[in-house]
Each structure stands twice: as structure tokens, then as C-alpha cells.
Protein backbone atom coordinates (compact mmCIF):
# COMPACT_ATOMS: atom_id res chain seq x y z
CA MET A 1 -4.34 -21.46 -21.85
CA THR A 2 -2.90 -21.28 -25.35
CA ARG A 3 -0.69 -24.00 -26.79
CA GLY A 4 2.31 -21.61 -26.60
CA SER A 5 1.60 -20.87 -22.93
CA ALA A 6 1.37 -24.59 -22.19
CA VAL A 7 4.75 -25.23 -23.83
CA ILE A 8 6.36 -22.37 -21.90
CA GLY A 9 4.72 -23.63 -18.69
CA ARG A 10 6.32 -27.06 -19.18
CA PHE A 11 9.73 -25.47 -19.64
CA PHE A 12 9.24 -23.38 -16.48
CA ARG A 13 8.39 -26.47 -14.44
CA LYS A 14 11.36 -28.34 -15.86
CA TRP A 15 13.98 -25.59 -15.43
CA PHE A 16 12.74 -23.71 -12.39
CA GLY A 17 10.81 -26.33 -10.44
CA ARG A 18 7.55 -26.09 -8.61
CA ARG A 19 6.10 -22.85 -7.35
CA PRO A 20 7.61 -21.75 -4.02
CA PRO A 21 5.30 -22.57 -1.10
CA ALA A 22 2.98 -19.77 -0.04
CA PRO A 23 3.56 -18.14 3.34
CA SER A 24 1.61 -19.79 6.13
CA GLY A 25 -1.52 -18.28 7.60
CA LEU A 26 -2.76 -16.77 4.35
CA PRO A 27 -6.14 -17.32 2.72
CA GLY A 28 -6.51 -20.12 0.20
CA PRO A 29 -7.39 -19.78 -3.48
CA LEU A 30 -10.22 -17.44 -4.35
CA SER A 31 -12.70 -17.91 -7.18
CA LEU A 32 -11.99 -15.55 -10.04
CA PRO A 33 -14.86 -13.41 -11.29
CA PRO A 34 -15.05 -13.06 -15.06
CA PRO A 35 -14.34 -9.64 -16.51
CA ASP A 36 -17.67 -7.90 -15.94
CA GLY A 37 -19.69 -6.72 -18.82
CA ASP A 38 -17.19 -6.12 -21.59
CA ALA A 39 -17.81 -8.37 -24.59
CA GLU A 40 -15.43 -7.66 -27.44
CA PRO A 41 -12.24 -5.86 -26.37
CA PRO A 42 -11.51 -2.57 -28.14
CA ALA A 43 -9.01 -2.37 -30.96
CA GLY A 44 -5.40 -1.96 -29.89
CA VAL A 45 -5.44 -4.12 -26.77
CA LEU A 46 -2.50 -6.49 -26.34
CA HIS A 47 -2.23 -9.87 -24.67
CA ALA A 48 -0.21 -9.94 -21.45
CA ALA A 49 2.38 -12.28 -23.01
CA ASP A 50 3.05 -9.82 -25.83
CA ILE A 51 3.46 -6.91 -23.42
CA GLU A 52 5.86 -8.84 -21.20
CA ASP A 53 7.89 -10.11 -24.18
CA ARG A 54 8.37 -6.56 -25.51
CA PHE A 55 9.15 -5.13 -22.07
CA TYR A 56 11.81 -7.66 -21.13
CA ARG A 57 13.45 -7.39 -24.55
CA LEU A 58 13.67 -3.63 -23.93
CA VAL A 59 15.14 -4.04 -20.43
CA PHE A 60 17.63 -6.80 -21.30
CA GLY A 61 18.53 -5.43 -24.72
CA PHE A 62 17.35 -8.60 -26.48
CA PRO A 63 16.61 -8.24 -30.21
CA PRO A 64 13.23 -9.17 -31.71
CA SER A 65 12.74 -12.84 -32.59
CA SER A 66 10.09 -14.80 -34.45
CA ARG A 67 11.14 -18.07 -32.83
CA GLU A 68 8.67 -19.45 -30.28
CA SER A 69 10.43 -22.45 -28.71
CA LEU A 70 13.71 -22.86 -26.87
CA THR A 71 16.88 -23.84 -28.69
CA SER A 72 19.37 -26.27 -27.15
CA ALA A 73 21.77 -23.36 -26.52
CA GLU A 74 19.04 -21.47 -24.67
CA GLN A 75 18.24 -24.54 -22.59
CA ALA A 76 21.92 -24.73 -21.58
CA VAL A 77 21.92 -21.06 -20.52
CA LEU A 78 18.75 -21.56 -18.50
CA ARG A 79 20.30 -24.54 -16.71
CA ARG A 80 23.25 -22.40 -15.69
CA VAL A 81 20.97 -19.57 -14.60
CA ARG A 82 19.00 -22.01 -12.47
CA ASP A 83 22.23 -23.29 -10.90
CA ALA A 84 23.43 -19.74 -10.21
CA PHE A 85 20.32 -18.73 -8.30
CA GLY A 86 19.36 -22.07 -6.82
CA GLY A 87 15.92 -23.52 -6.31
CA GLU A 88 13.65 -23.06 -3.33
CA ARG A 89 16.42 -21.53 -1.22
CA VAL A 90 18.53 -18.78 -2.71
CA ASP A 91 21.88 -17.73 -1.28
CA PRO A 92 21.32 -14.23 0.17
CA GLY A 93 24.61 -13.24 -1.45
CA ALA A 94 23.00 -13.72 -4.87
CA LEU A 95 20.14 -11.36 -4.05
CA PRO A 96 20.10 -7.61 -4.72
CA ARG A 97 21.55 -5.50 -1.91
CA ALA A 98 19.12 -3.16 -0.19
CA LEU A 99 19.74 -0.03 1.83
CA PRO A 100 19.74 -0.49 5.64
CA VAL A 101 16.53 1.53 5.79
CA LEU A 102 14.46 -1.42 4.54
CA PRO A 103 14.74 -3.53 7.74
CA ALA A 104 13.68 -0.55 9.89
CA LEU A 105 10.84 0.16 7.48
CA MET A 106 9.52 -3.40 7.60
CA ARG A 107 9.73 -3.47 11.42
CA SER A 108 7.66 -0.31 11.54
CA LEU A 109 4.99 -1.94 9.37
CA ARG A 110 4.54 -4.64 12.01
CA GLY A 111 3.34 -2.04 14.49
CA ASP A 112 6.45 -2.05 16.65
CA GLY A 113 6.78 1.35 18.29
CA SER A 114 10.55 1.02 18.51
CA GLY A 115 10.56 0.27 14.78
CA ALA A 116 8.74 3.53 14.05
CA ARG A 117 11.22 5.48 16.16
CA ALA A 118 14.14 3.77 14.43
CA LEU A 119 12.57 4.67 11.09
CA LEU A 120 12.54 8.37 11.90
CA ALA A 121 16.08 8.17 13.26
CA GLN A 122 17.16 6.55 9.99
CA VAL A 123 15.73 9.48 8.02
CA GLU A 124 17.42 12.02 10.28
CA GLY A 125 20.78 10.32 9.76
CA ASP A 126 20.61 10.02 5.96
CA ARG A 127 20.67 13.16 3.83
CA SER A 128 19.30 11.44 0.70
CA LEU A 129 16.38 10.04 2.69
CA MET A 130 15.66 13.40 4.26
CA ASP A 131 15.74 15.14 0.87
CA GLU A 132 13.34 12.56 -0.58
CA VAL A 133 10.91 12.97 2.32
CA ILE A 134 10.98 16.78 2.06
CA GLN A 135 10.56 16.65 -1.72
CA ALA A 136 7.59 14.28 -1.39
CA ALA A 137 5.95 16.52 1.21
CA SER A 138 6.38 19.55 -1.06
CA HIS A 139 4.02 18.11 -3.65
CA PRO A 140 0.71 20.03 -3.94
CA ARG A 141 -1.30 16.92 -3.12
CA TYR A 142 -0.21 17.24 0.53
CA GLY A 143 -1.52 20.79 0.80
CA ALA A 144 1.72 22.60 1.56
CA THR A 145 1.06 26.35 1.34
CA ARG A 146 4.75 27.29 1.43
CA PRO A 147 8.03 25.45 0.71
CA VAL A 148 8.76 22.57 3.07
CA VAL A 149 12.18 23.13 4.60
CA GLY A 150 12.38 20.81 7.60
CA LEU A 151 11.87 17.14 8.41
CA SER A 152 9.30 17.71 11.16
CA GLN A 153 7.12 19.76 8.82
CA ALA A 154 7.49 17.12 6.08
CA VAL A 155 6.52 14.27 8.40
CA ALA A 156 3.50 16.20 9.67
CA LEU A 157 2.28 16.70 6.10
CA LEU A 158 3.05 13.20 4.86
CA GLY A 159 1.84 11.17 7.81
CA GLN A 160 3.11 7.64 8.48
CA GLY A 161 1.96 6.28 5.12
CA GLY A 162 3.54 9.05 3.07
CA LEU A 163 6.78 8.82 5.04
CA ARG A 164 7.00 5.10 4.42
CA ARG A 165 6.31 5.47 0.70
CA ALA A 166 9.04 8.10 0.39
CA MET A 167 11.50 5.75 2.10
CA VAL A 168 10.50 2.83 -0.10
CA ARG A 169 11.20 5.00 -3.14
CA VAL A 170 14.76 5.70 -1.98
CA ALA A 171 15.45 2.07 -1.07
CA MET A 172 14.03 0.55 -4.26
CA ARG A 173 15.64 3.12 -6.53
CA SER A 174 19.04 2.00 -5.20
CA VAL A 175 18.14 -1.62 -6.01
CA LEU A 176 16.65 -1.06 -9.47
CA CYS A 177 19.20 1.49 -10.67
CA ASP A 178 22.24 -0.35 -9.30
CA GLY A 179 24.61 -1.12 -12.16
CA SER A 180 27.84 0.26 -13.56
CA ALA A 181 27.61 -1.18 -17.08
CA PRO A 182 25.80 0.91 -19.73
CA THR A 183 23.23 -1.88 -20.19
CA SER A 184 22.53 -1.93 -16.47
CA ARG A 185 22.17 1.84 -16.30
CA SER A 186 19.77 1.90 -19.23
CA ALA A 187 17.82 -1.00 -17.73
CA GLY A 188 17.74 0.82 -14.40
CA GLU A 189 16.04 3.83 -15.97
CA ARG A 190 13.35 1.62 -17.51
CA LEU A 191 12.96 -0.39 -14.27
CA TRP A 192 12.49 2.75 -12.20
CA GLU A 193 9.92 4.07 -14.66
CA HIS A 194 8.11 0.74 -14.36
CA ALA A 195 8.33 0.63 -10.55
CA GLU A 196 6.78 4.06 -10.08
CA ARG A 197 3.96 3.30 -12.50
CA CYS A 198 3.42 -0.22 -11.19
CA ALA A 199 3.10 1.09 -7.63
CA GLN A 200 0.63 3.72 -8.84
CA ALA A 201 -1.35 1.17 -10.88
CA CYS A 202 -1.50 -1.28 -7.97
CA ALA A 203 -2.69 1.42 -5.59
CA PHE A 204 -5.37 2.45 -8.13
CA LEU A 205 -6.63 -1.09 -8.76
CA ASP A 206 -6.61 -1.97 -5.04
CA ARG A 207 -8.06 1.32 -3.80
CA LYS A 208 -11.46 -0.03 -2.77
CA ARG A 209 -10.58 -3.27 -1.06
CA GLY A 210 -7.02 -3.52 0.18
CA ASP A 211 -4.10 -1.95 1.99
CA ALA A 212 -2.80 0.96 -0.10
CA LEU A 213 0.72 0.69 1.29
CA GLU A 214 0.93 -3.06 0.63
CA ALA A 215 -0.22 -2.50 -2.96
CA TYR A 216 2.44 0.20 -3.29
CA LEU A 217 5.13 -2.11 -1.86
CA ALA A 218 4.16 -4.92 -4.24
CA GLY A 219 4.48 -2.60 -7.21
CA MET A 220 7.83 -1.22 -6.11
CA VAL A 221 9.49 -4.59 -5.43
CA SER A 222 8.05 -6.45 -8.42
CA GLN A 223 11.18 -6.11 -10.62
CA ALA A 224 13.82 -6.28 -7.87
CA GLY A 225 15.48 -9.30 -9.51
CA VAL A 226 16.31 -7.78 -12.90
CA GLN A 227 19.71 -6.28 -12.08
CA ALA A 228 20.86 -9.57 -10.52
CA MET A 229 19.85 -11.38 -13.71
CA LEU A 230 21.55 -8.78 -15.90
CA GLN A 231 24.78 -9.24 -13.98
CA GLU A 232 24.54 -13.02 -14.24
CA LEU A 233 23.99 -12.94 -18.01
CA ALA A 234 26.83 -10.42 -18.44
CA ARG A 235 29.23 -12.86 -16.75
CA ARG A 236 28.47 -15.56 -19.32
CA ASP A 237 30.23 -15.92 -22.66
CA ASP A 238 27.57 -18.22 -24.12
CA THR A 239 24.75 -15.71 -24.66
CA ALA A 240 25.97 -13.76 -27.71
CA THR A 241 24.65 -16.21 -30.33
CA LEU A 242 21.28 -17.02 -28.75
CA ASP A 243 18.09 -16.75 -30.81
CA HIS A 244 16.29 -15.02 -27.89
CA SER A 245 13.11 -16.97 -28.55
CA ARG A 246 9.87 -15.97 -26.88
CA ALA A 247 10.14 -19.00 -24.63
CA PHE A 248 13.66 -17.95 -23.57
CA VAL A 249 12.58 -14.38 -22.77
CA ALA A 250 9.58 -15.71 -20.82
CA ALA A 251 11.80 -18.12 -18.87
CA ILE A 252 14.27 -15.35 -17.98
CA ALA A 253 11.33 -13.20 -16.87
CA GLN A 254 10.08 -16.09 -14.72
CA GLN A 255 13.46 -16.36 -13.03
CA VAL A 256 13.48 -12.59 -12.43
CA GLU A 257 10.12 -12.97 -10.68
CA ARG A 258 11.52 -15.75 -8.48
CA ILE A 259 14.53 -13.62 -7.52
CA SER A 260 12.18 -10.73 -6.70
CA LEU A 261 10.13 -13.10 -4.53
CA HIS A 262 13.18 -14.34 -2.64
CA ALA A 263 14.41 -10.77 -2.18
CA ALA A 264 11.06 -9.68 -0.72
CA ARG A 265 11.16 -12.63 1.68
CA HIS A 266 14.74 -11.87 2.68
CA TRP A 267 13.83 -8.22 3.33
CA ALA A 268 10.81 -9.31 5.42
CA PHE A 269 8.14 -7.68 3.26
CA PRO A 270 4.54 -8.15 4.50
CA SER A 271 3.14 -11.65 4.01
CA ARG A 272 0.42 -10.56 1.57
CA VAL A 273 3.03 -8.87 -0.63
CA VAL A 274 5.16 -12.02 -0.58
CA GLN A 275 2.10 -14.11 -1.44
CA ALA A 276 1.30 -11.86 -4.41
CA LEU A 277 4.85 -12.22 -5.69
CA ALA A 278 4.70 -16.00 -5.20
CA GLU A 279 1.54 -16.20 -7.30
CA ARG A 280 3.12 -14.12 -10.06
CA ALA A 281 6.19 -16.38 -10.04
CA ASP A 282 4.11 -19.54 -10.42
CA PRO A 283 5.78 -21.61 -13.19
CA ALA A 284 2.45 -23.30 -13.92
CA ASP A 285 1.01 -19.90 -14.93
CA ALA A 286 -2.15 -20.68 -12.99
CA GLY A 287 -2.96 -17.03 -12.41
CA ALA A 288 -3.22 -15.06 -9.19
CA ARG A 289 -5.49 -16.35 -6.44
CA THR A 290 -5.61 -13.48 -3.94
CA PRO A 291 -6.85 -9.91 -4.51
CA LEU A 292 -3.37 -8.40 -4.18
CA GLY A 293 -1.96 -11.09 -6.47
CA ARG A 294 -4.42 -10.13 -9.19
CA VAL A 295 -3.73 -6.45 -8.62
CA LEU A 296 0.01 -7.05 -9.04
CA LEU A 297 -0.41 -9.05 -12.25
CA ALA A 298 -2.55 -6.40 -13.89
CA GLY A 299 -0.69 -3.41 -12.45
CA SER A 300 2.72 -4.71 -13.53
CA ARG A 301 1.55 -5.33 -17.08
CA LEU A 302 -0.13 -1.93 -17.36
CA ALA A 303 3.07 -0.28 -16.13
CA MET A 304 5.10 -2.28 -18.67
CA LEU A 305 2.77 -1.14 -21.42
CA ASP A 306 3.07 2.50 -20.36
CA VAL A 307 6.88 2.27 -20.53
CA LEU A 308 6.62 0.65 -23.98
CA VAL A 309 4.37 3.44 -25.23
CA GLU A 310 6.81 6.05 -23.96
CA GLN A 311 9.68 4.26 -25.72
CA GLY A 312 7.76 4.03 -29.00
CA LEU A 313 7.37 0.25 -28.78
CA ALA A 314 3.57 0.25 -28.55
CA GLU A 315 0.82 2.43 -29.96
CA ASN A 316 -0.42 5.36 -27.90
CA ASP A 317 -3.90 3.86 -27.59
CA ALA A 318 -2.66 0.35 -26.73
CA GLY A 319 -4.25 -1.38 -23.75
CA LEU A 320 -4.00 -4.61 -21.76
CA ARG A 321 -6.49 -7.28 -22.76
CA ALA A 322 -8.78 -8.37 -19.92
CA THR A 323 -8.91 -12.07 -18.99
CA ALA A 324 -10.75 -14.04 -16.32
CA GLN A 325 -7.40 -14.93 -14.71
CA GLN A 326 -6.58 -11.26 -14.17
CA GLY A 327 -9.97 -10.64 -12.62
CA PHE A 328 -10.50 -7.10 -13.97
CA SER A 329 -12.91 -5.87 -16.61
CA GLN A 330 -11.65 -4.22 -19.77
CA SER A 331 -13.12 -0.92 -18.60
CA SER A 332 -11.26 -1.17 -15.27
CA LEU A 333 -7.96 -1.82 -17.03
CA THR A 334 -8.60 1.08 -19.40
CA ALA A 335 -9.39 3.38 -16.47
CA CYS A 336 -6.12 2.40 -14.80
CA ARG A 337 -4.20 2.94 -18.04
CA ASP A 338 -5.73 6.41 -18.35
CA GLU A 339 -4.84 7.14 -14.73
CA LEU A 340 -1.19 6.35 -15.46
CA ARG A 341 -1.16 8.54 -18.56
CA GLY A 342 -3.20 11.43 -17.20
CA PRO A 343 -1.48 14.78 -16.59
CA ALA A 344 -2.62 14.71 -12.96
CA SER A 345 -0.43 11.67 -12.28
CA ALA A 346 2.84 13.22 -13.45
CA GLY A 347 5.21 13.50 -10.54
CA VAL A 348 2.57 12.58 -7.98
CA PRO A 349 3.82 10.33 -5.15
CA SER A 350 1.49 7.34 -5.09
């Protein structure tokens, strides 16, 4: 860990407390394999901290800053942010609001037959959901030979997994794009771009060893806390003169991750998804310990980088630097980056 990371880690522990306890019944820490085979990383790769700093400045509208450490004014803002969102237990009223479809969706994931029936009934009763499902089924990847015009045909083509992914898209778009202020709307566009790419990256990185739907869910929910943080900062009159140091941006990002974690718990996301979010929100920056946790760390950063490239804030050939904590080789990260940028991925439901 670099000296800067250690300083930021101390601030996280001071302002945001210890890492939330992991859900019970989950596997313990796993040993991290070193990135396999790649010696010197290629030119143009960026450290994860640099990618995250640029991405959150883009989303929150923070200007560039050469300052590394927190100012006293920034510490005061962080104290108030911590008080607004609480510690280990967050008031559900402070969390993002989700569409009613999410509870039915999560019940269906637990194998409850009544949950699956309720899920289909939810689609039939919601025109936006039905349109999303039909649009998803119309994609060439599902083999439709003529336009999909009805729900029964769409469900037959999509299957359970495709139906659930289409519903997650509708639910998470309402969370990420929720905001009436111009800043919130602009942030929502960037957040949705990130969510789609993060879900795709997670599914790609986890394709050989995990649950594709859980990887997709982790990617979609990973930035659920941003709009809540944007609204909180907009209510404050003490943020206009901040230096927006790297440590401040990193601390705000850490709080966003904690809000996303609490939201996923409140919405009853699968335990492995919650665990992955808990590892990412670790204020000690110890790195992910489970396979899905490592997938989420790498996938989120690759998606951030892809958004930055599209916005002209990173070079076209930029990549994510491999580290032992991430658990992926440089070649694996490059392959995932190329998957996100390839023409075959455009508009493809993950």
C-alpha cells in the first residue's frame, strides 16, 4: 500500500468507522493469486486510485485538484456526511428509493415459486417493464427471427435469467437516474453508462467460475448510493469553497460505497452480492477476499475507465493496472476492456 493510500485509509477509519460486518454463512478470506505471467504492464495503464479519482470528479462535478490531503473544511463536511447517513445502521429513509419490482425480483431469486409468479405478474402490470422485456428479447443474441410483439414470446426467448436482467435494468435505471437538478441528471447519465458496463464487465470476468446473474446484480447496484450523496451535498452551503483534495474525493467515494451496500442489504440482494459490496466498502482498503468481490473491484474500475475514455478524460488505449489485490492478470483486464469497447458489445443485454 502506498503512503497516500495509508493516509486515506486512516481517514476512512476515523470518519466512517470499521468495515460493516460480513453476512453470516459466507466463506472466509481467500488467498489472492498474483497476476499471472505479466511482468511489466503496458504503457497507458492507470492505477485504480487515479481512475476512481477522475470518475468521481466527473460524476460529482468536482474540479481537478493537486492537493492530496484533507483540509479542515473538508473534514467538517465529511463529519456532517457521516452524521447524515449514520454508521453501521442507516435509516432506510436516507437510502435510494427502488421500484416495487425489486422485492418480487429478489424473492424469485430465492427459488420461491410464488415469487416467480409475482415477478411475471409485476411485468404484466407495468408497461415500462413490459416494454423493456420485449426490447431485450428483440436483440439478435436471443435468436428472434421476427419482431417480438408479446410478453409470452419475450419470456420464452429470454428465459428466467434474461427476464430478471431486464427487470433489474428498469429498477436500477430509476435509482441511478433519479434527480431533478441538472447536476443529478448529468450524473445519472454517467452512472447508467457505468452500471451497464460494470454489469457486463463483471459477467465477463466471472464467466468461468460464478453465478452470472449475481455478477450482473453486483455491477448494476455498485453505484446505487451516488444520487443520495449528490442530494446531501447539494443541501449543504459549506461545499462551495472546498479544495476537493484527492483524499476528500476518495472519502466521498467510500461513503457512496457504504450507502450502496446498505441499499443492497435493504433490498435483500443475494448474500454473495452483499459480501462483494462490503469488501469494496472496506475503509481499511484491504482488497476483496471472495471471487465476486474481486470481480466487482476490477469490473467497476474497468467500467469507470470506459466512461472516462468516452468523455475524453482518458486516452483511448488506457487500461487498468493489474495488482495482486485485484487478483486478475494484466492480460485478463485488457481482454475485459476490449470486450467492453468491442462493436459486438454495443447494445447487447449482458
